[in-house]
Amino acid sequence: MTETKDAAEAHAHEPHGERLGSRLNWLRAGVLGANDGIVSVAGLVVGVAGATTDHGAILMAGIAGLVAGALSMAGGEYVSVSTQRDTEQAALKLEKQELKTMPEAEERELADIYEDKGLSRELAEQVARELSRKDALAAHAEAELGIDPDELTNPWQAAWASFVSFSIGALIPLLAIALPPTSWRVWTCAIAVVAGLALTGYTSARLGSAGPGRAVARNVGVGALTMLVTYYVGTLFGITAG
């Protein structure tokens, strides 16, 4: 008994359950949003820098890219998560109706789910019965739909998270190319972008409990290729326009 109590106390600080998964998903989405901001705006400002040395033109292009990208990300997340929330609410409404009209059949269905997961029939029926007495909707939503009725997805939260994370990521290449002298702009931006992408790659890998090496290499490789291509495209158009 003492060992069980000690083990419980030792792990009391650790988050468990659906809330942990939800937080990790939001963190991962934030990291990916920052990553998109870095790559998108880096490609834009480096491309413009390849076409012109005009500081004002580069800065305005970067700001426009930051604002447009952040709003696009936020709008996309809002629409996507709103659709998901509508689907969740519709599923919960149907489940609530079924529990009202045929509670016994629903309890048997819940027992079937737990039996399929490995419980004996007798234990599955007992679990289904006790969970149904406590909160039938929550029990069925979790087992059948994978939904927590008290923690539905929030489109506004998703939109703001995407807007903020994209903007923070986009500031890295924007500031790195706007602040240094002309001869150092592109190289300073490239170094800052590589560092930022290495950080987001490492963070996303750790959140997913994966090895960071491949994620960092993939992130940095994509960003470097983006800047290389856009720089030479900008140079080509700059020469043509000149």
Protein backbone atom coordinates (compact mmCIF):
# COMPACT_ATOMS: atom_id res chain seq x y z
CA MET A 1 0.00 0.00 0.00
CA THR A 2 2.82 2.39 0.88
CA GLU A 3 4.58 1.68 -2.41
CA THR A 4 1.36 2.35 -4.34
CA LYS A 5 0.87 5.64 -2.50
CA ASP A 6 4.47 6.68 -3.09
CA ALA A 7 4.16 5.89 -6.79
CA ALA A 8 0.97 7.92 -7.05
CA GLU A 9 2.60 10.89 -5.32
CA ALA A 10 5.70 10.61 -7.50
CA HIS A 11 3.59 10.91 -10.65
CA ALA A 12 1.05 13.39 -9.32
CA HIS A 13 2.73 16.27 -11.13
CA GLU A 14 2.52 14.57 -14.50
CA PRO A 15 -0.41 15.57 -16.78
CA HIS A 16 -2.55 12.68 -18.00
CA GLY A 17 -5.48 12.02 -20.28
CA GLU A 18 -7.11 13.95 -23.08
CA ARG A 19 -6.03 17.35 -21.76
CA LEU A 20 -2.38 16.44 -22.21
CA GLY A 21 -3.05 15.36 -25.79
CA SER A 22 -4.97 18.56 -26.44
CA ARG A 23 -2.15 20.75 -25.09
CA LEU A 24 0.43 18.89 -27.14
CA ASN A 25 -1.67 19.36 -30.27
CA TRP A 26 -1.91 23.10 -29.66
CA LEU A 27 1.82 23.34 -28.98
CA ARG A 28 2.58 21.39 -32.14
CA ALA A 29 0.23 23.61 -34.15
CA GLY A 30 1.97 26.69 -32.75
CA VAL A 31 5.39 25.36 -33.68
CA LEU A 32 4.23 24.53 -37.21
CA GLY A 33 2.66 27.98 -37.53
CA ALA A 34 5.95 29.61 -36.55
CA ASN A 35 7.75 27.37 -39.00
CA ASP A 36 5.42 28.46 -41.82
CA GLY A 37 5.99 32.10 -40.91
CA ILE A 38 9.76 31.69 -41.06
CA VAL A 39 9.81 29.90 -44.42
CA SER A 40 7.12 32.00 -46.13
CA VAL A 41 8.50 35.42 -45.24
CA ALA A 42 12.12 34.33 -45.67
CA GLY A 43 11.36 33.22 -49.22
CA LEU A 44 9.58 36.49 -49.92
CA VAL A 45 12.16 38.94 -48.55
CA VAL A 46 15.15 37.03 -49.92
CA GLY A 47 13.47 36.92 -53.32
CA VAL A 48 12.89 40.68 -53.27
CA ALA A 49 16.44 41.22 -52.02
CA GLY A 50 17.67 39.28 -55.03
CA ALA A 51 15.82 41.70 -57.32
CA THR A 52 16.61 45.00 -55.60
CA THR A 53 18.69 46.56 -52.84
CA ASP A 54 15.93 49.05 -52.03
CA HIS A 55 15.52 48.76 -48.27
CA GLY A 56 11.98 50.14 -48.34
CA ALA A 57 10.81 47.67 -50.97
CA ILE A 58 12.25 44.71 -49.06
CA LEU A 59 10.75 45.88 -45.77
CA MET A 60 7.31 46.51 -47.25
CA ALA A 61 7.30 43.14 -48.99
CA GLY A 62 8.17 41.44 -45.70
CA ILE A 63 5.49 43.30 -43.74
CA ALA A 64 2.90 42.55 -46.41
CA GLY A 65 3.89 38.89 -46.34
CA LEU A 66 3.67 38.76 -42.56
CA VAL A 67 0.22 40.35 -42.41
CA ALA A 68 -1.21 38.40 -45.35
CA GLY A 69 0.25 35.10 -44.15
CA ALA A 70 -0.88 35.54 -40.56
CA LEU A 71 -4.42 36.47 -41.62
CA SER A 72 -4.53 33.59 -44.08
CA MET A 73 -3.37 31.11 -41.45
CA ALA A 74 -5.83 32.45 -38.89
CA GLY A 75 -8.72 32.40 -41.35
CA GLY A 76 -7.90 28.90 -42.51
CA GLU A 77 -7.69 27.59 -38.95
CA TYR A 78 -10.95 29.31 -38.00
CA VAL A 79 -12.84 27.76 -40.91
CA SER A 80 -11.27 24.33 -40.42
CA VAL A 81 -11.81 24.17 -36.67
CA SER A 82 -15.34 25.62 -36.97
CA THR A 83 -16.21 22.77 -39.33
CA GLN A 84 -14.72 20.28 -36.87
CA ARG A 85 -16.67 21.81 -33.98
CA ASP A 86 -19.92 21.70 -35.97
CA THR A 87 -19.29 18.01 -36.68
CA GLU A 88 -18.60 17.32 -33.00
CA GLN A 89 -21.74 19.12 -31.89
CA ALA A 90 -23.87 17.28 -34.44
CA ALA A 91 -22.45 13.93 -33.27
CA LEU A 92 -23.11 14.81 -29.62
CA LYS A 93 -26.66 15.91 -30.42
CA LEU A 94 -27.35 12.59 -32.13
CA GLU A 95 -25.79 10.66 -29.25
CA LYS A 96 -27.87 12.59 -26.72
CA GLN A 97 -31.04 11.78 -28.67
CA GLU A 98 -30.15 8.08 -28.82
CA LEU A 99 -29.48 7.98 -25.08
CA LYS A 100 -32.89 9.54 -24.47
CA THR A 101 -34.86 7.23 -26.75
CA MET A 102 -33.02 3.91 -26.30
CA PRO A 103 -30.82 3.98 -23.18
CA GLU A 104 -30.66 0.20 -22.77
CA ALA A 105 -29.43 -0.35 -26.32
CA GLU A 106 -26.85 2.38 -25.88
CA GLU A 107 -25.60 0.80 -22.65
CA ARG A 108 -25.21 -2.54 -24.43
CA GLU A 109 -23.33 -0.77 -27.21
CA LEU A 110 -20.97 0.78 -24.66
CA ALA A 111 -20.41 -2.63 -23.08
CA ASP A 112 -19.61 -4.05 -26.53
CA ILE A 113 -16.96 -1.36 -27.01
CA TYR A 114 -15.22 -2.22 -23.74
CA GLU A 115 -15.48 -5.92 -24.46
CA ASP A 116 -13.78 -5.32 -27.82
CA LYS A 117 -11.01 -3.56 -25.92
CA GLY A 118 -10.30 -6.72 -23.94
CA LEU A 119 -12.58 -6.72 -20.89
CA SER A 120 -14.66 -9.76 -20.02
CA ARG A 121 -18.34 -9.46 -20.88
CA GLU A 122 -19.33 -9.28 -17.23
CA LEU A 123 -16.79 -6.58 -16.42
CA ALA A 124 -17.61 -4.65 -19.62
CA GLU A 125 -21.30 -4.58 -18.66
CA GLN A 126 -20.44 -3.42 -15.14
CA VAL A 127 -18.18 -0.63 -16.45
CA ALA A 128 -20.81 0.48 -18.97
CA ARG A 129 -23.51 0.49 -16.30
CA GLU A 130 -21.51 2.50 -13.78
CA LEU A 131 -20.25 5.02 -16.34
CA SER A 132 -23.76 5.48 -17.69
CA ARG A 133 -25.07 6.20 -14.20
CA LYS A 134 -22.42 8.86 -13.65
CA ASP A 135 -22.53 10.63 -17.04
CA ALA A 136 -23.87 8.61 -19.95
CA LEU A 137 -23.21 11.26 -22.59
CA ALA A 138 -19.58 11.76 -21.54
CA ALA A 139 -19.00 8.00 -21.44
CA HIS A 140 -20.43 7.41 -24.92
CA ALA A 141 -18.78 10.50 -26.39
CA GLU A 142 -15.35 9.37 -25.17
CA ALA A 143 -15.74 5.69 -26.10
CA GLU A 144 -17.59 6.04 -29.41
CA LEU A 145 -16.58 9.44 -30.74
CA GLY A 146 -13.32 10.32 -29.00
CA ILE A 147 -14.85 13.62 -27.90
CA ASP A 148 -14.89 15.36 -24.53
CA PRO A 149 -18.21 17.28 -24.40
CA ASP A 150 -16.67 19.80 -22.00
CA GLU A 151 -13.64 20.53 -24.18
CA LEU A 152 -14.80 20.95 -27.75
CA THR A 153 -12.40 22.50 -30.22
CA ASN A 154 -12.39 26.31 -30.17
CA PRO A 155 -12.10 28.03 -33.59
CA TRP A 156 -11.19 31.41 -32.14
CA GLN A 157 -8.43 29.91 -30.02
CA ALA A 158 -7.08 28.10 -33.07
CA ALA A 159 -7.23 31.27 -35.18
CA TRP A 160 -5.40 33.40 -32.63
CA ALA A 161 -2.79 30.71 -32.00
CA SER A 162 -2.06 30.47 -35.73
CA PHE A 163 -2.00 34.26 -36.15
CA VAL A 164 0.42 34.80 -33.27
CA SER A 165 2.71 31.86 -34.04
CA PHE A 166 2.97 32.74 -37.74
CA SER A 167 3.70 36.38 -36.90
CA ILE A 168 6.44 35.47 -34.41
CA GLY A 169 8.06 33.14 -36.93
CA ALA A 170 7.80 35.72 -39.72
CA LEU A 171 9.55 38.37 -37.60
CA ILE A 172 12.77 36.34 -37.66
CA PRO A 173 13.57 36.76 -41.38
CA LEU A 174 11.93 40.19 -41.54
CA LEU A 175 14.11 41.70 -38.81
CA ALA A 176 17.19 39.79 -39.94
CA ILE A 177 17.03 41.26 -43.45
CA ALA A 178 15.80 44.73 -42.45
CA LEU A 179 18.36 45.65 -39.78
CA PRO A 180 21.84 44.78 -41.17
CA PRO A 181 23.77 46.79 -43.81
CA THR A 182 23.01 46.02 -47.47
CA SER A 183 25.99 43.72 -48.02
CA TRP A 184 25.05 41.57 -45.03
CA ARG A 185 21.28 41.38 -45.45
CA VAL A 186 20.87 38.08 -47.26
CA TRP A 187 23.51 36.21 -45.27
CA THR A 188 22.21 37.51 -41.94
CA CYS A 189 18.70 36.51 -42.92
CA ALA A 190 19.86 33.06 -44.03
CA ILE A 191 21.69 32.42 -40.74
CA ALA A 192 18.71 33.63 -38.67
CA VAL A 193 16.31 31.48 -40.68
CA VAL A 194 18.48 28.37 -40.35
CA ALA A 195 18.67 28.91 -36.58
CA GLY A 196 14.92 29.46 -36.33
CA LEU A 197 14.09 26.40 -38.42
CA ALA A 198 16.51 24.28 -36.42
CA LEU A 199 14.72 25.36 -33.25
CA THR A 200 11.21 24.66 -34.60
CA GLY A 201 12.35 21.33 -36.04
CA TYR A 202 13.89 20.29 -32.73
CA THR A 203 10.82 21.42 -30.77
CA SER A 204 8.32 19.64 -33.04
CA ALA A 205 10.38 16.44 -32.84
CA ARG A 206 10.53 16.56 -29.06
CA LEU A 207 6.79 17.17 -28.81
CA GLY A 208 6.25 14.11 -30.95
CA SER A 209 8.80 12.06 -28.97
CA ALA A 210 10.87 11.57 -32.13
CA GLY A 211 14.56 11.93 -32.81
CA PRO A 212 15.40 15.60 -33.53
CA GLY A 213 18.18 15.05 -36.07
CA ARG A 214 16.04 14.17 -39.07
CA ALA A 215 13.39 16.79 -38.24
CA VAL A 216 15.99 19.55 -37.94
CA ALA A 217 17.72 18.51 -41.18
CA ARG A 218 14.39 18.37 -43.03
CA ASN A 219 13.30 21.76 -41.71
CA VAL A 220 16.58 23.48 -42.48
CA GLY A 221 16.82 21.83 -45.90
CA VAL A 222 13.36 23.04 -46.97
CA GLY A 223 14.06 26.56 -45.73
CA ALA A 224 17.46 26.74 -47.40
CA LEU A 225 16.05 25.49 -50.70
CA THR A 226 13.21 28.02 -50.51
CA MET A 227 15.60 30.93 -49.97
CA LEU A 228 17.99 29.71 -52.68
CA VAL A 229 15.27 29.38 -55.31
CA THR A 230 13.50 32.64 -54.48
CA TYR A 231 16.78 34.57 -54.35
CA TYR A 232 17.82 33.49 -57.83
CA VAL A 233 14.31 34.00 -59.19
CA GLY A 234 14.43 37.53 -57.75
CA THR A 235 17.90 38.06 -59.23
CA LEU A 236 16.71 36.88 -62.63
CA PHE A 237 13.72 39.22 -62.62
CA GLY A 238 15.86 42.05 -61.29
CA ILE A 239 18.29 41.67 -64.19
CA THR A 240 15.42 41.42 -66.68
CA ALA A 241 13.72 44.51 -65.29
CA GLY A 242 17.00 46.39 -65.23
